[in-house]
Amino acid sequence: MWYAIIGTDVPNSLEARKSARPAHLDRLNQLQAEGRMLLAGPFPAIDAEDPGPVGFTGSLIVAEFASLADAETWAKADPYMAAGVYSSVAVKPFRKVLP
């Protein structure tokens, strides 16, 4: 089943994000290689493709896992959690309808 993983950043997370990003992307690329990634990306803090120094407010990942527990375990092990980028992470079942 698909699961939406919504990470919410702590204030002023940009520097921690930058340092943890390579490890974070490695995990996302692994999901992609396994054919389990629907989409992933950050929420810019302002209405701009590149928010510059204001950074991001969080991230959305929609990926396939065997269970909610597996998705939660995967989310808790994200390098952004270890680096203190996220203040919280919510994991919710997701049903793709369109396209």
Protein backbone atom coordinates (compact mmCIF):
# COMPACT_ATOMS: atom_id res chain seq x y z
CA MET A 1 0.00 0.00 0.00
CA TRP A 2 1.04 3.60 -0.50
CA TYR A 3 1.87 5.75 2.55
CA ALA A 4 2.26 9.52 2.80
CA ILE A 5 5.13 10.55 5.04
CA ILE A 6 4.88 14.20 6.07
CA GLY A 7 7.89 15.65 7.86
CA THR A 8 7.60 19.03 9.55
CA ASP A 9 10.80 21.03 9.89
CA VAL A 10 12.04 22.76 13.01
CA PRO A 11 12.57 26.52 12.59
CA ASN A 12 15.80 27.44 10.79
CA SER A 13 16.40 23.90 9.55
CA LEU A 14 18.22 24.80 6.33
CA GLU A 15 21.81 24.13 7.44
CA ALA A 16 20.89 20.80 9.06
CA ARG A 17 18.94 19.92 5.91
CA LYS A 18 21.91 20.64 3.70
CA SER A 19 24.26 18.47 5.74
CA ALA A 20 21.85 15.50 5.97
CA ARG A 21 20.53 15.77 2.41
CA PRO A 22 22.94 13.31 0.71
CA ALA A 23 22.02 10.50 3.13
CA HIS A 24 18.33 11.43 2.91
CA LEU A 25 18.45 11.29 -0.90
CA ASP A 26 20.29 7.93 -0.82
CA ARG A 27 17.30 6.39 0.98
CA LEU A 28 14.83 7.97 -1.44
CA ASN A 29 16.87 6.77 -4.41
CA GLN A 30 16.79 3.25 -2.96
CA LEU A 31 12.98 3.36 -2.83
CA GLN A 32 12.98 4.65 -6.41
CA ALA A 33 15.30 1.85 -7.57
CA GLU A 34 12.97 -0.69 -5.95
CA GLY A 35 9.96 0.80 -7.79
CA ARG A 36 8.35 1.87 -4.50
CA MET A 37 8.48 5.67 -4.87
CA LEU A 38 5.48 7.64 -6.10
CA LEU A 39 6.82 11.12 -5.33
CA ALA A 40 8.98 13.03 -2.91
CA GLY A 41 9.91 16.65 -2.32
CA PRO A 42 10.16 19.54 0.13
CA PHE A 43 7.71 22.31 1.01
CA PRO A 44 9.39 25.68 0.28
CA ALA A 45 8.86 28.22 3.06
CA ILE A 46 7.83 30.82 0.47
CA ASP A 47 6.05 30.67 -2.87
CA ALA A 48 9.19 30.02 -4.91
CA GLU A 49 10.88 27.05 -6.55
CA ASP A 50 14.10 27.98 -4.74
CA PRO A 51 13.29 29.62 -1.40
CA GLY A 52 16.91 30.57 -0.79
CA PRO A 53 17.92 31.22 2.81
CA VAL A 54 14.37 30.98 4.19
CA GLY A 55 14.51 27.26 3.40
CA PHE A 56 11.74 24.74 3.78
CA THR A 57 8.93 23.90 6.19
CA GLY A 58 8.89 20.16 5.66
CA SER A 59 8.73 17.33 3.16
CA LEU A 60 6.30 14.92 1.56
CA ILE A 61 7.19 11.38 0.54
CA VAL A 62 4.64 8.98 -0.93
CA ALA A 63 6.03 5.47 -1.14
CA GLU A 64 4.96 1.86 -0.99
CA PHE A 65 5.47 -0.24 2.15
CA ALA A 66 4.13 -3.60 3.30
CA SER A 67 2.41 -2.02 6.31
CA LEU A 68 1.87 1.17 8.26
CA ALA A 69 4.34 -0.10 10.87
CA ASP A 70 7.00 -0.60 8.17
CA ALA A 71 6.41 2.92 6.82
CA GLU A 72 6.64 4.40 10.33
CA THR A 73 9.86 2.51 11.05
CA TRP A 74 11.36 3.71 7.77
CA ALA A 75 10.32 7.31 8.48
CA LYS A 76 11.79 7.30 11.98
CA ALA A 77 15.15 6.18 10.56
CA ASP A 78 15.35 9.08 8.09
CA PRO A 79 18.61 11.05 8.32
CA TYR A 80 16.56 14.25 8.65
CA MET A 81 15.21 12.89 11.95
CA ALA A 82 18.70 12.09 13.25
CA ALA A 83 19.99 15.52 12.15
CA GLY A 84 17.17 17.37 13.89
CA VAL A 85 15.64 18.71 10.67
CA TYR A 86 12.18 17.38 11.45
CA SER A 87 10.28 18.28 14.60
CA SER A 88 7.72 15.60 13.78
CA VAL A 89 6.78 13.05 11.15
CA ALA A 90 3.28 11.81 10.37
CA VAL A 91 2.67 8.64 8.38
CA LYS A 92 -0.73 8.04 6.81
CA PRO A 93 -2.12 5.42 4.44
CA PHE A 94 -2.58 6.93 0.97
CA ARG A 95 -4.83 5.79 -1.84
CA LYS A 96 -3.79 7.03 -5.29
CA VAL A 97 -6.81 7.84 -7.44
CA LEU A 98 -5.50 10.15 -10.19
CA PRO A 99 -3.84 10.23 -12.61
